[in-house]
Amino acid sequence: MYKNYKIFAIIPVKKKSSRLKNKNFLKIRGKTLFKITLDYAKKSKIFDQIIISSDDKSLKKFEEKNVYFHFRKKKL
C-alpha cells in the first residue's frame, strides 16, 4: 500500500543566521553543521531524496545522486 510513497528530507540552510552568525557554517570537530546534517540524512538510508533549500548558491556543489539543491529567495 505504501510502496508508491517517497520520503523526502528537506534541509533548510540560511546563508546568514540572525542570532548566531553563520551558524550553519560553523565547524564542529572539523565539519560544518550543515555537512553533519547532510551526512546523517544520507547515512540513515530512509530518504528517497534529500533537498537542500538555501539562499546560498555555493551549496549547489553538494548535489549528487538523490541530493538536490533548491535555491530560494533571501526573504524566505
N, C-alpha and C. Protein backbone atom coordinates (compact mmCIF):
# COMPACT_ATOMS: atom_id res chain seq x y z
N MET A 1 0.81 -1.19 0.00
CA MET A 1 0.00 0.00 0.00
C MET A 1 0.86 1.27 0.00
N TYR A 2 1.97 1.29 0.73
CA TYR A 2 2.79 2.49 0.85
C TYR A 2 3.98 2.50 -0.09
N LYS A 3 4.08 1.55 -0.97
CA LYS A 3 5.25 1.44 -1.84
C LYS A 3 5.40 2.61 -2.81
N ASN A 4 4.32 3.31 -3.13
CA ASN A 4 4.40 4.41 -4.08
C ASN A 4 4.82 5.73 -3.43
N TYR A 5 4.87 5.77 -2.11
CA TYR A 5 5.26 6.98 -1.43
C TYR A 5 6.77 7.15 -1.43
N LYS A 6 7.20 8.39 -1.55
CA LYS A 6 8.61 8.70 -1.44
C LYS A 6 8.82 9.53 -0.18
N ILE A 7 9.93 9.32 0.46
CA ILE A 7 10.25 10.06 1.67
C ILE A 7 11.34 11.06 1.35
N PHE A 8 11.05 12.34 1.62
CA PHE A 8 11.99 13.41 1.34
C PHE A 8 12.52 14.00 2.64
N ALA A 9 13.76 14.42 2.60
CA ALA A 9 14.34 15.21 3.69
C ALA A 9 14.63 16.58 3.11
N ILE A 10 14.15 17.61 3.77
CA ILE A 10 14.44 18.97 3.34
C ILE A 10 15.32 19.60 4.40
N ILE A 11 16.52 20.02 3.98
CA ILE A 11 17.47 20.63 4.90
C ILE A 11 17.52 22.13 4.58
N PRO A 12 16.92 22.97 5.46
CA PRO A 12 16.98 24.41 5.22
C PRO A 12 18.31 24.97 5.71
N VAL A 13 18.99 25.72 4.84
CA VAL A 13 20.29 26.29 5.19
C VAL A 13 20.28 27.76 4.82
N LYS A 14 20.17 28.62 5.81
CA LYS A 14 20.18 30.06 5.57
C LYS A 14 21.62 30.56 5.56
N LYS A 15 21.93 31.43 4.61
CA LYS A 15 23.30 31.91 4.48
C LYS A 15 23.73 32.73 5.70
N LYS A 16 22.90 33.66 6.13
CA LYS A 16 23.24 34.50 7.28
C LYS A 16 22.22 34.30 8.38
N SER A 17 22.61 33.70 9.46
CA SER A 17 21.73 33.50 10.60
C SER A 17 21.59 34.81 11.36
N SER A 18 20.45 35.01 11.99
CA SER A 18 20.22 36.28 12.66
C SER A 18 20.81 36.33 14.07
N ARG A 19 20.67 35.27 14.85
CA ARG A 19 21.18 35.31 16.23
C ARG A 19 22.62 34.83 16.34
N LEU A 20 22.94 33.71 15.74
CA LEU A 20 24.31 33.18 15.76
C LEU A 20 24.86 33.27 14.35
N LYS A 21 25.77 34.19 14.14
CA LYS A 21 26.28 34.47 12.79
C LYS A 21 26.86 33.23 12.12
N ASN A 22 26.43 32.98 10.89
CA ASN A 22 26.91 31.85 10.07
C ASN A 22 26.80 30.50 10.78
N LYS A 23 25.74 30.32 11.52
CA LYS A 23 25.53 29.11 12.31
C LYS A 23 25.71 27.82 11.50
N ASN A 24 25.16 27.77 10.31
CA ASN A 24 25.21 26.55 9.50
C ASN A 24 26.60 26.24 8.97
N PHE A 25 27.50 27.22 9.05
CA PHE A 25 28.85 27.03 8.50
C PHE A 25 29.93 27.03 9.58
N LEU A 26 29.52 27.05 10.85
CA LEU A 26 30.48 26.92 11.94
C LEU A 26 30.96 25.48 12.01
N LYS A 27 32.22 25.29 12.31
CA LYS A 27 32.78 23.94 12.32
C LYS A 27 32.71 23.33 13.72
N ILE A 28 32.28 22.08 13.73
CA ILE A 28 32.25 21.28 14.95
C ILE A 28 33.03 20.01 14.63
N ARG A 29 34.14 19.84 15.30
CA ARG A 29 35.03 18.69 15.04
C ARG A 29 35.42 18.58 13.57
N GLY A 30 35.66 19.74 12.94
CA GLY A 30 36.15 19.75 11.57
C GLY A 30 35.10 19.73 10.48
N LYS A 31 33.81 19.65 10.84
CA LYS A 31 32.73 19.65 9.85
C LYS A 31 31.73 20.75 10.18
N THR A 32 31.15 21.32 9.13
CA THR A 32 30.14 22.35 9.36
C THR A 32 28.84 21.69 9.82
N LEU A 33 28.01 22.48 10.50
CA LEU A 33 26.73 21.98 10.99
C LEU A 33 25.88 21.46 9.82
N PHE A 34 25.92 22.19 8.71
CA PHE A 34 25.18 21.75 7.52
C PHE A 34 25.67 20.39 7.03
N LYS A 35 26.98 20.20 6.92
CA LYS A 35 27.55 18.96 6.41
C LYS A 35 27.25 17.78 7.35
N ILE A 36 27.27 18.04 8.65
CA ILE A 36 26.93 16.99 9.62
C ILE A 36 25.49 16.53 9.39
N THR A 37 24.59 17.49 9.21
CA THR A 37 23.17 17.17 8.97
C THR A 37 23.00 16.38 7.68
N LEU A 38 23.67 16.82 6.63
CA LEU A 38 23.60 16.12 5.35
C LEU A 38 24.14 14.69 5.45
N ASP A 39 25.25 14.52 6.13
CA ASP A 39 25.84 13.18 6.29
C ASP A 39 24.92 12.24 7.06
N TYR A 40 24.28 12.75 8.13
CA TYR A 40 23.35 11.91 8.90
C TYR A 40 22.13 11.53 8.07
N ALA A 41 21.63 12.46 7.26
CA ALA A 41 20.48 12.15 6.41
C ALA A 41 20.83 11.05 5.40
N LYS A 42 22.04 11.14 4.81
CA LYS A 42 22.49 10.10 3.86
C LYS A 42 22.69 8.76 4.57
N LYS A 43 23.33 8.82 5.73
CA LYS A 43 23.67 7.60 6.47
C LYS A 43 22.42 6.84 6.93
N SER A 44 21.33 7.57 7.19
CA SER A 44 20.11 6.92 7.68
C SER A 44 19.49 6.00 6.64
N LYS A 45 19.70 6.30 5.37
CA LYS A 45 19.18 5.50 4.26
C LYS A 45 17.66 5.33 4.27
N ILE A 46 16.94 6.25 4.91
CA ILE A 46 15.48 6.17 4.91
C ILE A 46 14.86 7.15 3.91
N PHE A 47 15.66 8.06 3.36
CA PHE A 47 15.14 9.08 2.46
C PHE A 47 15.38 8.70 1.00
N ASP A 48 14.34 8.86 0.20
CA ASP A 48 14.47 8.63 -1.23
C ASP A 48 15.18 9.80 -1.89
N GLN A 49 14.94 11.01 -1.37
CA GLN A 49 15.59 12.21 -1.88
C GLN A 49 15.88 13.15 -0.73
N ILE A 50 17.00 13.86 -0.84
CA ILE A 50 17.37 14.88 0.13
C ILE A 50 17.44 16.19 -0.63
N ILE A 51 16.75 17.21 -0.11
CA ILE A 51 16.70 18.50 -0.77
C ILE A 51 17.36 19.53 0.12
N ILE A 52 18.35 20.24 -0.42
CA ILE A 52 19.00 21.33 0.29
C ILE A 52 18.33 22.61 -0.18
N SER A 53 17.64 23.31 0.71
CA SER A 53 16.96 24.55 0.37
C SER A 53 17.73 25.70 0.97
N SER A 54 18.28 26.57 0.11
CA SER A 54 19.15 27.63 0.61
C SER A 54 19.13 28.86 -0.28
N ASP A 55 19.56 29.99 0.31
CA ASP A 55 19.75 31.22 -0.45
C ASP A 55 21.22 31.40 -0.82
N ASP A 56 22.02 30.37 -0.60
CA ASP A 56 23.45 30.40 -0.89
C ASP A 56 23.74 29.43 -2.04
N LYS A 57 24.04 29.99 -3.21
CA LYS A 57 24.25 29.17 -4.40
C LYS A 57 25.51 28.29 -4.32
N SER A 58 26.41 28.59 -3.40
CA SER A 58 27.64 27.78 -3.30
C SER A 58 27.35 26.36 -2.80
N LEU A 59 26.19 26.14 -2.20
CA LEU A 59 25.84 24.80 -1.72
C LEU A 59 25.40 23.86 -2.84
N LYS A 60 25.25 24.41 -4.03
CA LYS A 60 24.88 23.58 -5.19
C LYS A 60 25.93 22.51 -5.46
N LYS A 61 27.16 22.73 -4.99
CA LYS A 61 28.23 21.75 -5.21
C LYS A 61 27.98 20.44 -4.47
N PHE A 62 27.04 20.42 -3.54
CA PHE A 62 26.75 19.20 -2.80
C PHE A 62 25.72 18.31 -3.51
N GLU A 63 25.25 18.74 -4.69
CA GLU A 63 24.31 17.92 -5.45
C GLU A 63 25.00 16.64 -5.90
N GLU A 64 24.30 15.56 -5.76
CA GLU A 64 24.77 14.25 -6.22
C GLU A 64 23.55 13.36 -6.33
N LYS A 65 23.73 12.10 -6.48
CA LYS A 65 22.60 11.18 -6.60
C LYS A 65 21.71 11.29 -5.36
N ASN A 66 20.44 11.55 -5.58
CA ASN A 66 19.41 11.68 -4.54
C ASN A 66 19.58 12.88 -3.62
N VAL A 67 20.51 13.79 -3.93
CA VAL A 67 20.67 15.04 -3.17
C VAL A 67 20.52 16.18 -4.17
N TYR A 68 19.50 17.01 -3.94
CA TYR A 68 19.19 18.09 -4.88
C TYR A 68 19.26 19.43 -4.17
N PHE A 69 19.56 20.47 -4.94
CA PHE A 69 19.65 21.82 -4.42
C PHE A 69 18.46 22.64 -4.89
N HIS A 70 17.83 23.37 -3.98
CA HIS A 70 16.73 24.27 -4.32
C HIS A 70 17.12 25.67 -3.86
N PHE A 71 17.25 26.61 -4.82
CA PHE A 71 17.57 27.99 -4.49
C PHE A 71 16.30 28.73 -4.12
N ARG A 72 16.32 29.38 -2.97
CA ARG A 72 15.16 30.16 -2.55
C ARG A 72 15.56 31.62 -2.33
N LYS A 73 14.60 32.49 -2.34
CA LYS A 73 14.84 33.91 -2.15
C LYS A 73 15.29 34.19 -0.72
N LYS A 74 16.10 35.22 -0.54
CA LYS A 74 16.64 35.55 0.78
C LYS A 74 15.57 35.89 1.80
N LYS A 75 14.48 36.47 1.38
CA LYS A 75 13.45 36.87 2.34
C LYS A 75 12.64 35.69 2.87
N LEU A 76 12.80 34.52 2.30
CA LEU A 76 12.13 33.33 2.82
C LEU A 76 12.95 32.76 3.92
